[in-house]
Structures are given as structure tokens and as C-alpha cells.
Amino acid sequence: MNLGELKSRLPAAVAPLAYCMHGFSHAALAALRESGGEGDALMLAVLQHVVEHPDEVEDEYGWVLHIVAAYHLAERRRTEAYPLLLQTMALPEDSLDSIWSDSVSECLPEWLVSTWDGDLARLIEFILDARVSAWVRHGAVDAMAGLYHGGRLGREQYLDAMRTLDRELGEADDPVRAAWMLQVGVTGLEELAEAARRAIAAQRGELVFISLREFERDLRNGVQGTVRARDVDAPVEPGWERTLGAWYMYERKAHRKYFGDPVDDAEGVFDDEEFDEDADADWPVEMPYVRETPKIGRNDPCPCGSGKKYKKCCGAAIS
């Protein structure tokens, strides 16, 4: 099914969810939820379209229905979405960023936890697939820990899986091994603590993913069962739309900033006065901002030395 055929299947009440230029439509989401199984089947078709025609998704400006679909199917616990998510997340890095953007790091673990079909072997195989983005596989390791925290993996089952990852990852010094080290501590796997300490000590280069001090603290908390909620990826629940709807891509100014002219406002969602063309002509020319220090990516190690990702440490406090 191509994009044109997919659009033709969208009910009018649900269609506003397809694009981000007019803001997030809560009424359209309510209509999707009310559509039950038919809506679920349509959202599965949306994910299948990403698998079959990623180039169309990349080229369709403002198309975000696949992100809504992933959230919706996760909320509905539709396990049919699980293999489709794995396939779409295995796309080449450039396509992955264009299609999924921040959802790779922000949402993937909870999507996988919510849609997991019980096939642990497939999840492990995905984590070990070097063709897949290291940050995607980092999220898959976090998802596996989320399944353990949620009681869907027994301790021995989870421990065996983590031992397999330890053996197969070898001396890799990348986000995947970093996720493994972090989760050994957070989930309190004392049996693998020494292997994690060796991996922490072997970290090379400028990026140190996790410090020994932070690991020992996490391990202590993990053994005692006092894990912080922000360190656990829980299943998607109703209310996710408040988070997604606040993303910058839903703000009209985002599209104006990068594409100049206002996007057609057929729905009248935005106040025209905000985009008065004559007023724009009087605005001063904005000079480019020059950073005094290197930019910290949200997935980079936090500069405070905690060993966490910036977005889950000082970045979380700022946001």
C-alpha cells in the first residue's frame, strides 16, 4: 500500500492526526480510540507502510501518523506492532532519523515493553544485530530491563539473556554495552556486577558512558528494590498524548522557522495575527548563535559524571 492509498483509508475524523502542522488533535485521537479494532488495523497498516515505503514517509513533510500509530498500538497492547517496530527501527541511520526523529531515544523502550509478543530470542537477536543503530539497540536493552521490572521476564530468564549479551558484545565500547552496564546495576544483577565493573574500567576515549560510583549506587538500589521510577521503562498508558502533543514539531513556529512561509491553515487552529506578514518585515535580522562550549546531545553522557544519559540526568532537571 502506497501513501496515497493509505490516506484514502483515513476516516475524516482521524485524518488530523496524520500531520503535525496544525497541532495535535485530541478530538481525532478520541475518534481513533472509539474506532476499536478497525482503528488498530489501520494503525498497523501505517507501520507496515513505513516498513515497505520508508522513502515516502521521509519525503512527506509533516507526516507523523506512524508515531501516533506506535503510541496508540502500545496503549492498546497490540503485539502485532512489535515485529513492525523492530523492522522500522532497523532502517539505515539517515532514514531512521528522518522518519522517527527523537522517538528513537524518547519512546522506543516503552513501545517495545507495551507491544512485546513474548519472543525473547528475537529481542536478543535484534540487540546483537550490528547493522541496527547502536542507540536503537540501547533502547532495546532498556526495554528488556523494563520487561523484567514489569514481571514479564523471570529473574533467571533475564539473567541468562544479560549473560548472553555480555558474552556476545565482547569488549564493545558503545551505547549498547553502556545500556548493558547501566541495567546490570539498575536491575540489581549481582552475578554480573564484576563483569560490569571490568567493562566500566575498560571504557575508552572521550565519552565515558557510566562511572563506577554511579554503577555502585544503582546496584545497591537495584538489590534493595529501591529503583527510581525514571530509570524504569514502563508500558504506555492513556495520557501519552499530553507528552507527544507538547513536542516542538506540533508548534506552528517550528514550521515557519525552517520553511519560511506559513503552512496552510485550513483548520483555523492558529491565530493569524501571530503570523502577520507585515509585522514580520519589521523584525530585526537574527544573527546565528555561536556556542561557547560544545553542544550536549540528549543521548550523550551527562557532563556531571553520573554516567546517565544527559536527558535522564541534568537534562531532565532542566526540562
C-alpha atoms as a PDB file:
ATOM      1  CA  MET A   1       0.000   0.000   0.000  1.00  0.00           C
ATOM      2  CA  ASN A   2       1.449   3.384  -1.002  1.00  0.00           C
ATOM      3  CA  LEU A   3       0.915   6.683   0.796  1.00  0.00           C
ATOM      4  CA  GLY A   4      -1.945   7.774  -1.448  1.00  0.00           C
ATOM      5  CA  GLU A   5      -3.845   4.553  -0.761  1.00  0.00           C
ATOM      6  CA  LEU A   6      -3.166   4.877   2.956  1.00  0.00           C
ATOM      7  CA  LYS A   7      -4.506   8.433   3.035  1.00  0.00           C
ATOM      8  CA  SER A   8      -7.659   7.326   1.235  1.00  0.00           C
ATOM      9  CA  ARG A   9      -8.367   4.872   4.051  1.00  0.00           C
ATOM     10  CA  LEU A  10      -8.179   7.501   6.788  1.00  0.00           C
ATOM     11  CA  PRO A  11     -11.602   8.407   8.212  1.00  0.00           C
ATOM     12  CA  ALA A  12     -12.184  12.164   8.195  1.00  0.00           C
ATOM     13  CA  ALA A  13     -12.407  12.202  11.998  1.00  0.00           C
ATOM     14  CA  VAL A  14      -8.956  10.588  12.342  1.00  0.00           C
ATOM     15  CA  ALA A  15      -7.174  12.338   9.459  1.00  0.00           C
ATOM     16  CA  PRO A  16      -5.990  15.384  11.521  1.00  0.00           C
ATOM     17  CA  LEU A  17      -3.562  13.061  13.321  1.00  0.00           C
ATOM     18  CA  ALA A  18      -1.611  12.442  10.103  1.00  0.00           C
ATOM     19  CA  TYR A  19       0.273  15.758  10.016  1.00  0.00           C
ATOM     20  CA  CYS A  20       1.852  17.917  12.678  1.00  0.00           C
ATOM     21  CA  MET A  21       1.492  21.388  11.136  1.00  0.00           C
ATOM     22  CA  HIS A  22      -1.832  22.214  12.794  1.00  0.00           C
ATOM     23  CA  GLY A  23      -1.057  20.977  16.275  1.00  0.00           C
ATOM     24  CA  PHE A  24      -2.063  17.741  17.977  1.00  0.00           C
ATOM     25  CA  SER A  25      -5.767  16.910  17.564  1.00  0.00           C
ATOM     26  CA  HIS A  26      -7.180  15.388  20.753  1.00  0.00           C
ATOM     27  CA  ALA A  27     -10.581  15.072  19.099  1.00  0.00           C
ATOM     28  CA  ALA A  28      -9.056  12.969  16.312  1.00  0.00           C
ATOM     29  CA  LEU A  29      -7.310  10.755  18.861  1.00  0.00           C
ATOM     30  CA  ALA A  30     -10.620  10.253  20.680  1.00  0.00           C
ATOM     31  CA  ALA A  31     -12.157   9.186  17.365  1.00  0.00           C
ATOM     32  CA  LEU A  32      -9.300   6.738  16.789  1.00  0.00           C
ATOM     33  CA  ARG A  33      -9.770   5.219  20.235  1.00  0.00           C
ATOM     34  CA  GLU A  34     -13.506   4.888  19.686  1.00  0.00           C
ATOM     35  CA  SER A  35     -12.946   3.070  16.392  1.00  0.00           C
ATOM     36  CA  GLY A  36     -11.658  -0.011  18.265  1.00  0.00           C
ATOM     37  CA  GLY A  37     -10.320  -2.870  16.172  1.00  0.00           C
ATOM     38  CA  GLU A  38     -10.800  -1.019  12.887  1.00  0.00           C
ATOM     39  CA  GLY A  39      -8.592   1.796  14.126  1.00  0.00           C
ATOM     40  CA  ASP A  40      -5.986  -0.677  15.345  1.00  0.00           C
ATOM     41  CA  ALA A  41      -5.906  -2.372  11.931  1.00  0.00           C
ATOM     42  CA  LEU A  42      -5.447   0.997  10.267  1.00  0.00           C
ATOM     43  CA  MET A  43      -2.566   1.932  12.578  1.00  0.00           C
ATOM     44  CA  LEU A  44      -0.899  -1.421  11.895  1.00  0.00           C
ATOM     45  CA  ALA A  45      -1.173  -0.594   8.189  1.00  0.00           C
ATOM     46  CA  VAL A  46       0.538   2.740   8.923  1.00  0.00           C
ATOM     47  CA  LEU A  47       3.523   0.936  10.486  1.00  0.00           C
ATOM     48  CA  GLN A  48       3.567  -1.594   7.643  1.00  0.00           C
ATOM     49  CA  HIS A  49       3.756   1.331   5.237  1.00  0.00           C
ATOM     50  CA  VAL A  50       6.916   2.572   6.966  1.00  0.00           C
ATOM     51  CA  VAL A  51       8.444  -0.877   6.519  1.00  0.00           C
ATOM     52  CA  GLU A  52       7.525  -1.080   2.827  1.00  0.00           C
ATOM     53  CA  HIS A  53       7.889   2.564   1.750  1.00  0.00           C
ATOM     54  CA  PRO A  54      10.246   4.428   4.087  1.00  0.00           C
ATOM     55  CA  ASP A  55      11.166   6.815   1.258  1.00  0.00           C
ATOM     56  CA  GLU A  56       7.569   8.037   1.042  1.00  0.00           C
ATOM     57  CA  VAL A  57       7.495   8.764   4.765  1.00  0.00           C
ATOM     58  CA  GLU A  58      10.778  10.669   4.525  1.00  0.00           C
ATOM     59  CA  ASP A  59       9.527  12.767   1.611  1.00  0.00           C
ATOM     60  CA  GLU A  60       6.097  13.605   3.065  1.00  0.00           C
ATOM     61  CA  TYR A  61       6.627  16.823   5.006  1.00  0.00           C
ATOM     62  CA  GLY A  62       4.921  16.877   8.389  1.00  0.00           C
ATOM     63  CA  TRP A  63       3.725  13.253   8.279  1.00  0.00           C
ATOM     64  CA  VAL A  64       3.664  11.914  11.859  1.00  0.00           C
ATOM     65  CA  LEU A  65       0.907   9.316  11.788  1.00  0.00           C
ATOM     66  CA  HIS A  66       3.423   6.500  12.259  1.00  0.00           C
ATOM     67  CA  ILE A  67       4.471   7.999  15.615  1.00  0.00           C
ATOM     68  CA  VAL A  68       0.844   8.308  16.708  1.00  0.00           C
ATOM     69  CA  ALA A  69       0.282   4.734  15.488  1.00  0.00           C
ATOM     70  CA  ALA A  70       3.152   3.389  17.581  1.00  0.00           C
ATOM     71  CA  TYR A  71       1.823   5.102  20.701  1.00  0.00           C
ATOM     72  CA  HIS A  72      -1.766   4.053  20.061  1.00  0.00           C
ATOM     73  CA  LEU A  73      -0.890   0.407  19.427  1.00  0.00           C
ATOM     74  CA  ALA A  74       1.353   0.410  22.504  1.00  0.00           C
ATOM     75  CA  GLU A  75      -1.504   1.733  24.622  1.00  0.00           C
ATOM     76  CA  ARG A  76      -3.736  -0.991  23.177  1.00  0.00           C
ATOM     77  CA  ARG A  77      -1.051  -3.664  23.834  1.00  0.00           C
ATOM     78  CA  ARG A  78      -1.230  -4.876  20.239  1.00  0.00           C
ATOM     79  CA  THR A  79       1.558  -7.417  19.908  1.00  0.00           C
ATOM     80  CA  GLU A  80       1.245  -7.356  16.109  1.00  0.00           C
ATOM     81  CA  ALA A  81       3.006  -3.993  16.245  1.00  0.00           C
ATOM     82  CA  TYR A  82       6.124  -5.443  17.874  1.00  0.00           C
ATOM     83  CA  PRO A  83       7.769  -7.035  14.788  1.00  0.00           C
ATOM     84  CA  LEU A  84       6.817  -3.999  12.702  1.00  0.00           C
ATOM     85  CA  LEU A  85       8.526  -1.680  15.179  1.00  0.00           C
ATOM     86  CA  LEU A  86      11.671  -3.807  15.088  1.00  0.00           C
ATOM     87  CA  GLN A  87      11.678  -3.719  11.292  1.00  0.00           C
ATOM     88  CA  THR A  88      11.215   0.040  11.073  1.00  0.00           C
ATOM     89  CA  MET A  89      13.896   0.634  13.689  1.00  0.00           C
ATOM     90  CA  ALA A  90      16.366  -1.401  11.633  1.00  0.00           C
ATOM     91  CA  LEU A  91      16.357   1.198   8.849  1.00  0.00           C
ATOM     92  CA  PRO A  92      19.630   2.950   7.903  1.00  0.00           C
ATOM     93  CA  GLU A  93      20.689   5.714  10.277  1.00  0.00           C
ATOM     94  CA  ASP A  94      19.762   8.621   7.985  1.00  0.00           C
ATOM     95  CA  SER A  95      16.285   7.259   7.272  1.00  0.00           C
ATOM     96  CA  LEU A  96      15.795   6.389  10.910  1.00  0.00           C
ATOM     97  CA  ASP A  97      16.451   9.961  11.990  1.00  0.00           C
ATOM     98  CA  SER A  98      14.237  11.457   9.285  1.00  0.00           C
ATOM     99  CA  ILE A  99      11.316   9.150   9.990  1.00  0.00           C
ATOM    100  CA  TRP A 100      11.404   8.652  13.763  1.00  0.00           C
ATOM    101  CA  SER A 101      13.497  11.591  14.997  1.00  0.00           C
ATOM    102  CA  ASP A 102      13.626  11.819  18.816  1.00  0.00           C
ATOM    103  CA  SER A 103      11.151   8.977  19.287  1.00  0.00           C
ATOM    104  CA  VAL A 104      14.051   6.522  18.850  1.00  0.00           C
ATOM    105  CA  SER A 105      15.508   7.572  22.194  1.00  0.00           C
ATOM    106  CA  GLU A 106      12.408   9.005  23.858  1.00  0.00           C
ATOM    107  CA  CYS A 107       9.767   6.366  23.133  1.00  0.00           C
ATOM    108  CA  LEU A 108      11.151   3.105  21.742  1.00  0.00           C
ATOM    109  CA  PRO A 109      11.732   1.270  25.061  1.00  0.00           C
ATOM    110  CA  GLU A 110       8.167   1.837  26.283  1.00  0.00           C
ATOM    111  CA  TRP A 111       6.742   0.942  22.860  1.00  0.00           C
ATOM    112  CA  LEU A 112       8.607  -2.373  22.908  1.00  0.00           C
ATOM    113  CA  VAL A 113       7.628  -3.097  26.518  1.00  0.00           C
ATOM    114  CA  SER A 114       3.990  -2.444  25.631  1.00  0.00           C
ATOM    115  CA  THR A 115       3.824  -4.498  22.422  1.00  0.00           C
ATOM    116  CA  TRP A 116       6.263  -7.335  23.212  1.00  0.00           C
ATOM    117  CA  ASP A 117       4.938 -10.642  21.870  1.00  0.00           C
ATOM    118  CA  GLY A 118       6.865 -12.910  24.240  1.00  0.00           C
ATOM    119  CA  ASP A 119       9.689 -13.747  21.825  1.00  0.00           C
ATOM    120  CA  LEU A 120      12.782 -13.045  23.937  1.00  0.00           C
ATOM    121  CA  ALA A 121      15.136 -14.701  21.436  1.00  0.00           C
ATOM    122  CA  ARG A 122      14.102 -12.233  18.753  1.00  0.00           C
ATOM    123  CA  LEU A 123      14.712  -9.294  21.095  1.00  0.00           C
ATOM    124  CA  ILE A 124      18.207 -10.561  21.932  1.00  0.00           C
ATOM    125  CA  GLU A 125      18.968 -11.131  18.244  1.00  0.00           C
ATOM    126  CA  PHE A 126      17.858  -7.572  17.497  1.00  0.00           C
ATOM    127  CA  ILE A 127      20.093  -6.145  20.238  1.00  0.00           C
ATOM    128  CA  LEU A 128      23.080  -8.017  18.840  1.00  0.00           C
ATOM    129  CA  ASP A 129      22.477  -7.028  15.205  1.00  0.00           C
ATOM    130  CA  ALA A 130      25.366  -4.676  14.426  1.00  0.00           C
ATOM    131  CA  ARG A 131      23.540  -3.377  11.327  1.00  0.00           C
ATOM    132  CA  VAL A 132      20.992  -1.672  13.571  1.00  0.00           C
ATOM    133  CA  SER A 133      21.738   1.756  15.071  1.00  0.00           C
ATOM    134  CA  ALA A 134      23.580   1.446  18.387  1.00  0.00           C
ATOM    135  CA  TRP A 135      21.140   3.876  20.015  1.00  0.00           C
ATOM    136  CA  VAL A 136      18.169   1.805  18.868  1.00  0.00           C
ATOM    137  CA  ARG A 137      19.766  -1.290  20.378  1.00  0.00           C
ATOM    138  CA  HIS A 138      20.476   0.718  23.542  1.00  0.00           C
ATOM    139  CA  GLY A 139      16.709   1.300  23.743  1.00  0.00           C
ATOM    140  CA  ALA A 140      16.041  -2.402  23.216  1.00  0.00           C
ATOM    141  CA  VAL A 141      18.306  -3.269  26.181  1.00  0.00           C
ATOM    142  CA  ASP A 142      16.338  -0.773  28.274  1.00  0.00           C
ATOM    143  CA  ALA A 143      13.108  -2.385  27.074  1.00  0.00           C
ATOM    144  CA  MET A 144      14.309  -5.819  28.156  1.00  0.00           C
ATOM    145  CA  ALA A 145      15.016  -4.406  31.615  1.00  0.00           C
ATOM    146  CA  GLY A 146      11.529  -2.876  31.578  1.00  0.00           C
ATOM    147  CA  LEU A 147      10.043  -6.309  30.866  1.00  0.00           C
ATOM    148  CA  TYR A 148      11.931  -7.677  33.862  1.00  0.00           C
ATOM    149  CA  HIS A 149      10.814  -4.833  36.130  1.00  0.00           C
ATOM    150  CA  GLY A 150       7.239  -5.384  34.994  1.00  0.00           C
ATOM    151  CA  GLY A 151       7.332  -9.080  35.884  1.00  0.00           C
ATOM    152  CA  ARG A 152       7.075 -10.311  32.317  1.00  0.00           C
ATOM    153  CA  LEU A 153      10.543 -11.859  32.458  1.00  0.00           C
ATOM    154  CA  GLY A 154      11.573 -14.065  35.344  1.00  0.00           C
ATOM    155  CA  ARG A 155      14.866 -13.340  37.055  1.00  0.00           C
ATOM    156  CA  GLU A 156      16.684 -16.407  35.695  1.00  0.00           C
ATOM    157  CA  GLN A 157      15.323 -15.732  32.223  1.00  0.00           C
ATOM    158  CA  TYR A 158      16.505 -12.133  32.363  1.00  0.00           C
ATOM    159  CA  LEU A 159      19.854 -13.074  33.892  1.00  0.00           C
ATOM    160  CA  ASP A 160      20.501 -15.624  31.134  1.00  0.00           C
ATOM    161  CA  ALA A 161      19.660 -13.002  28.499  1.00  0.00           C
ATOM    162  CA  MET A 162      22.035 -10.488  30.063  1.00  0.00           C
ATOM    163  CA  ARG A 163      24.771 -13.127  30.232  1.00  0.00           C
ATOM    164  CA  THR A 164      24.267 -13.782  26.524  1.00  0.00           C
ATOM    165  CA  LEU A 165      24.617 -10.079  25.776  1.00  0.00           C
ATOM    166  CA  ASP A 166      27.765  -9.865  27.899  1.00  0.00           C
ATOM    167  CA  ARG A 167      29.342 -12.763  26.040  1.00  0.00           C
ATOM    168  CA  GLU A 168      28.336 -11.659  22.539  1.00  0.00           C
ATOM    169  CA  LEU A 169      29.032  -7.942  22.914  1.00  0.00           C
ATOM    170  CA  GLY A 170      32.622  -8.665  23.880  1.00  0.00           C
ATOM    171  CA  GLU A 171      34.692  -5.565  24.518  1.00  0.00           C
ATOM    172  CA  ALA A 172      32.422  -3.189  22.588  1.00  0.00           C
ATOM    173  CA  ASP A 173      32.645   0.383  23.842  1.00  0.00           C
ATOM    174  CA  ASP A 174      29.385   1.830  22.543  1.00  0.00           C
ATOM    175  CA  PRO A 175      25.840   2.721  23.647  1.00  0.00           C
ATOM    176  CA  VAL A 176      24.750  -0.925  23.588  1.00  0.00           C
ATOM    177  CA  ARG A 177      27.391  -2.025  26.089  1.00  0.00           C
ATOM    178  CA  ALA A 178      26.658   1.154  28.054  1.00  0.00           C
ATOM    179  CA  ALA A 179      22.997   0.178  28.335  1.00  0.00           C
ATOM    180  CA  TRP A 180      24.027  -3.288  29.478  1.00  0.00           C
ATOM    181  CA  MET A 181      26.318  -1.861  32.192  1.00  0.00           C
ATOM    182  CA  LEU A 182      23.641   0.532  33.365  1.00  0.00           C
ATOM    183  CA  GLN A 183      20.919  -2.104  33.553  1.00  0.00           C
ATOM    184  CA  VAL A 184      23.106  -4.606  35.402  1.00  0.00           C
ATOM    185  CA  GLY A 185      23.165  -2.010  38.156  1.00  0.00           C
ATOM    186  CA  VAL A 186      19.581  -0.769  37.944  1.00  0.00           C
ATOM    187  CA  THR A 187      18.153  -4.301  37.935  1.00  0.00           C
ATOM    188  CA  GLY A 188      20.453  -5.456  40.728  1.00  0.00           C
ATOM    189  CA  LEU A 189      22.212  -8.327  38.931  1.00  0.00           C
ATOM    190  CA  GLU A 190      24.958  -9.030  41.457  1.00  0.00           C
ATOM    191  CA  GLU A 191      26.009 -12.082  39.448  1.00  0.00           C
ATOM    192  CA  LEU A 192      27.167  -9.800  36.612  1.00  0.00           C
ATOM    193  CA  ALA A 193      28.475  -6.945  38.745  1.00  0.00           C
ATOM    194  CA  GLU A 194      32.136  -7.858  38.380  1.00  0.00           C
ATOM    195  CA  ALA A 195      31.828  -8.141  34.595  1.00  0.00           C
ATOM    196  CA  ALA A 196      30.130  -4.727  34.565  1.00  0.00           C
ATOM    197  CA  ARG A 197      32.930  -3.211  36.675  1.00  0.00           C
ATOM    198  CA  ARG A 198      35.504  -4.514  34.194  1.00  0.00           C
ATOM    199  CA  ALA A 199      33.538  -3.055  31.302  1.00  0.00           C
ATOM    200  CA  ILE A 200      33.288   0.294  33.082  1.00  0.00           C
ATOM    201  CA  ALA A 201      37.034   0.335  33.690  1.00  0.00           C
ATOM    202  CA  ALA A 202      37.674  -0.517  30.042  1.00  0.00           C
ATOM    203  CA  GLN A 203      35.790   2.493  28.693  1.00  0.00           C
ATOM    204  CA  ARG A 204      37.985   4.407  26.302  1.00  0.00           C
ATOM    205  CA  GLY A 205      38.030   7.734  24.526  1.00  0.00           C
ATOM    206  CA  GLU A 206      36.371  10.993  25.453  1.00  0.00           C
ATOM    207  CA  LEU A 207      32.940   9.522  26.167  1.00  0.00           C
ATOM    208  CA  VAL A 208      32.503   7.758  29.486  1.00  0.00           C
ATOM    209  CA  PHE A 209      29.025   6.280  29.499  1.00  0.00           C
ATOM    210  CA  ILE A 210      28.812   5.425  33.193  1.00  0.00           C
ATOM    211  CA  SER A 211      31.042   5.948  36.208  1.00  0.00           C
ATOM    212  CA  LEU A 212      31.871   3.275  38.749  1.00  0.00           C
ATOM    213  CA  ARG A 213      30.442   5.425  41.533  1.00  0.00           C
ATOM    214  CA  GLU A 214      27.070   5.685  39.808  1.00  0.00           C
ATOM    215  CA  PHE A 215      27.085   1.986  38.975  1.00  0.00           C
ATOM    216  CA  GLU A 216      27.654   1.014  42.612  1.00  0.00           C
ATOM    217  CA  ARG A 217      24.837   3.287  43.725  1.00  0.00           C
ATOM    218  CA  ASP A 218      22.467   1.831  41.130  1.00  0.00           C
ATOM    219  CA  LEU A 219      23.480  -1.712  42.044  1.00  0.00           C
ATOM    220  CA  ARG A 220      22.802  -1.037  45.713  1.00  0.00           C
ATOM    221  CA  ASN A 221      19.376   0.363  44.902  1.00  0.00           C
ATOM    222  CA  GLY A 222      18.639  -2.446  42.468  1.00  0.00           C
ATOM    223  CA  VAL A 223      19.460  -5.150  45.002  1.00  0.00           C
ATOM    224  CA  GLN A 224      17.334  -3.399  47.630  1.00  0.00           C
ATOM    225  CA  GLY A 225      14.466  -2.841  45.191  1.00  0.00           C
ATOM    226  CA  THR A 226      14.572   0.948  45.544  1.00  0.00           C
ATOM    227  CA  VAL A 227      14.918   1.772  41.855  1.00  0.00           C
ATOM    228  CA  ARG A 228      13.997   5.296  40.797  1.00  0.00           C
ATOM    229  CA  ALA A 229      10.911   5.466  38.566  1.00  0.00           C
ATOM    230  CA  ARG A 230      12.761   7.452  35.894  1.00  0.00           C
ATOM    231  CA  ASP A 231      15.221   4.557  35.458  1.00  0.00           C
ATOM    232  CA  VAL A 232      12.461   2.098  34.522  1.00  0.00           C
ATOM    233  CA  ASP A 233      10.714   1.988  31.143  1.00  0.00           C
ATOM    234  CA  ALA A 234       7.076   1.223  31.922  1.00  0.00           C
ATOM    235  CA  PRO A 235       4.307   0.380  29.421  1.00  0.00           C
ATOM    236  CA  VAL A 236       2.466   3.163  27.610  1.00  0.00           C
ATOM    237  CA  GLU A 237      -0.721   4.282  29.356  1.00  0.00           C
ATOM    238  CA  PRO A 238      -3.532   6.679  28.361  1.00  0.00           C
ATOM    239  CA  GLY A 239      -2.288  10.222  28.695  1.00  0.00           C
ATOM    240  CA  TRP A 240       0.741   9.758  26.427  1.00  0.00           C
ATOM    241  CA  GLU A 241      -0.838  12.317  24.102  1.00  0.00           C
ATOM    242  CA  ARG A 242      -0.012  15.105  26.555  1.00  0.00           C
ATOM    243  CA  THR A 243       3.676  14.327  26.127  1.00  0.00           C
ATOM    244  CA  LEU A 244       3.555  13.864  22.359  1.00  0.00           C
ATOM    245  CA  GLY A 245       1.340  16.889  21.820  1.00  0.00           C
ATOM    246  CA  ALA A 246       3.914  19.100  23.533  1.00  0.00           C
ATOM    247  CA  TRP A 247       6.668  18.175  21.059  1.00  0.00           C
ATOM    248  CA  TYR A 248       8.136  21.097  19.132  1.00  0.00           C
ATOM    249  CA  MET A 249       7.034  19.644  15.791  1.00  0.00           C
ATOM    250  CA  TYR A 250       3.429  20.480  16.692  1.00  0.00           C
ATOM    251  CA  GLU A 251       4.209  24.183  17.131  1.00  0.00           C
ATOM    252  CA  ARG A 252       3.442  26.389  14.143  1.00  0.00           C
ATOM    253  CA  LYS A 253       6.587  28.427  14.694  1.00  0.00           C
ATOM    254  CA  ALA A 254       8.694  25.312  14.102  1.00  0.00           C
ATOM    255  CA  HIS A 255       7.459  25.067  10.514  1.00  0.00           C
ATOM    256  CA  ARG A 256       7.792  28.791   9.935  1.00  0.00           C
ATOM    257  CA  LYS A 257      11.346  28.785  11.272  1.00  0.00           C
ATOM    258  CA  TYR A 258      12.585  26.125   8.896  1.00  0.00           C
ATOM    259  CA  PHE A 259      10.412  26.727   5.823  1.00  0.00           C
ATOM    260  CA  GLY A 260       9.727  30.477   5.878  1.00  0.00           C
ATOM    261  CA  ASP A 261       6.141  30.773   4.682  1.00  0.00           C
ATOM    262  CA  PRO A 262       3.205  29.860   6.904  1.00  0.00           C
ATOM    263  CA  VAL A 263       1.707  26.425   6.362  1.00  0.00           C
ATOM    264  CA  ASP A 264      -1.865  26.425   5.020  1.00  0.00           C
ATOM    265  CA  ASP A 265      -4.162  26.905   7.994  1.00  0.00           C
ATOM    266  CA  ALA A 266      -7.355  25.391   6.635  1.00  0.00           C
ATOM    267  CA  GLU A 267      -8.497  24.230  10.052  1.00  0.00           C
ATOM    268  CA  GLY A 268      -8.048  27.658  11.619  1.00  0.00           C
ATOM    269  CA  VAL A 269      -6.170  26.157  14.526  1.00  0.00           C
ATOM    270  CA  PHE A 270      -3.715  29.035  14.784  1.00  0.00           C
ATOM    271  CA  ASP A 271      -4.251  32.733  15.323  1.00  0.00           C
ATOM    272  CA  ASP A 272      -3.484  34.545  12.045  1.00  0.00           C
ATOM    273  CA  GLU A 273      -2.307  37.618  13.951  1.00  0.00           C
ATOM    274  CA  GLU A 274       0.648  35.621  15.199  1.00  0.00           C
ATOM    275  CA  PHE A 275       1.862  35.303  11.629  1.00  0.00           C
ATOM    276  CA  ASP A 276       1.175  38.801  10.309  1.00  0.00           C
ATOM    277  CA  GLU A 277       3.403  39.178   7.223  1.00  0.00           C
ATOM    278  CA  ASP A 278       3.732  42.991   7.513  1.00  0.00           C
ATOM    279  CA  ALA A 279       4.818  42.668  11.121  1.00  0.00           C
ATOM    280  CA  ASP A 280       7.432  40.145  10.051  1.00  0.00           C
ATOM    281  CA  ALA A 281       9.037  42.703   7.747  1.00  0.00           C
ATOM    282  CA  ASP A 282       9.958  44.916  10.698  1.00  0.00           C
ATOM    283  CA  TRP A 283      11.644  42.171  12.677  1.00  0.00           C
ATOM    284  CA  PRO A 284      15.410  42.565  13.162  1.00  0.00           C
ATOM    285  CA  VAL A 285      17.658  40.110  11.380  1.00  0.00           C
ATOM    286  CA  GLU A 286      18.501  37.332  13.791  1.00  0.00           C
ATOM    287  CA  MET A 287      22.200  36.547  13.876  1.00  0.00           C
ATOM    288  CA  PRO A 288      23.237  32.928  14.263  1.00  0.00           C
ATOM    289  CA  TYR A 289      24.013  31.822  17.786  1.00  0.00           C
ATOM    290  CA  VAL A 290      27.610  30.803  18.399  1.00  0.00           C
ATOM    291  CA  ARG A 291      28.163  28.356  21.243  1.00  0.00           C
ATOM    292  CA  GLU A 292      30.970  28.976  23.687  1.00  0.00           C
ATOM    293  CA  THR A 293      31.031  25.307  24.664  1.00  0.00           C
ATOM    294  CA  PRO A 294      30.255  22.117  22.702  1.00  0.00           C
ATOM    295  CA  LYS A 295      26.579  21.180  22.471  1.00  0.00           C
ATOM    296  CA  ILE A 296      25.487  18.345  24.736  1.00  0.00           C
ATOM    297  CA  GLY A 297      23.274  15.870  22.901  1.00  0.00           C
ATOM    298  CA  ARG A 298      20.385  14.390  24.837  1.00  0.00           C
ATOM    299  CA  ASN A 299      21.824  10.918  24.400  1.00  0.00           C
ATOM    300  CA  ASP A 300      25.364  11.945  25.338  1.00  0.00           C
ATOM    301  CA  PRO A 301      26.782  11.046  28.752  1.00  0.00           C
ATOM    302  CA  CYS A 302      25.855  13.730  31.271  1.00  0.00           C
ATOM    303  CA  PRO A 303      28.807  16.078  31.911  1.00  0.00           C
ATOM    304  CA  CYS A 304      28.180  15.884  35.662  1.00  0.00           C
ATOM    305  CA  GLY A 305      29.828  12.454  35.638  1.00  0.00           C
ATOM    306  CA  SER A 306      26.776  10.477  36.755  1.00  0.00           C
ATOM    307  CA  GLY A 307      27.112   8.033  33.872  1.00  0.00           C
ATOM    308  CA  LYS A 308      23.486   8.557  32.837  1.00  0.00           C
ATOM    309  CA  LYS A 309      22.344   9.934  29.537  1.00  0.00           C
ATOM    310  CA  TYR A 310      22.062  13.731  29.688  1.00  0.00           C
ATOM    311  CA  LYS A 311      18.294  13.556  29.046  1.00  0.00           C
ATOM    312  CA  LYS A 312      17.799  11.320  32.105  1.00  0.00           C
ATOM    313  CA  CYS A 313      20.048  13.319  34.404  1.00  0.00           C
ATOM    314  CA  CYS A 314      20.746  17.082  34.377  1.00  0.00           C
ATOM    315  CA  GLY A 315      18.824  17.439  31.113  1.00  0.00           C
ATOM    316  CA  ALA A 316      15.704  16.051  32.780  1.00  0.00           C
ATOM    317  CA  ALA A 317      16.035  18.560  35.593  1.00  0.00           C
ATOM    318  CA  ILE A 318      16.338  21.436  33.114  1.00  0.00           C
ATOM    319  CA  SER A 319      13.362  20.327  31.024  1.00  0.00           C
END
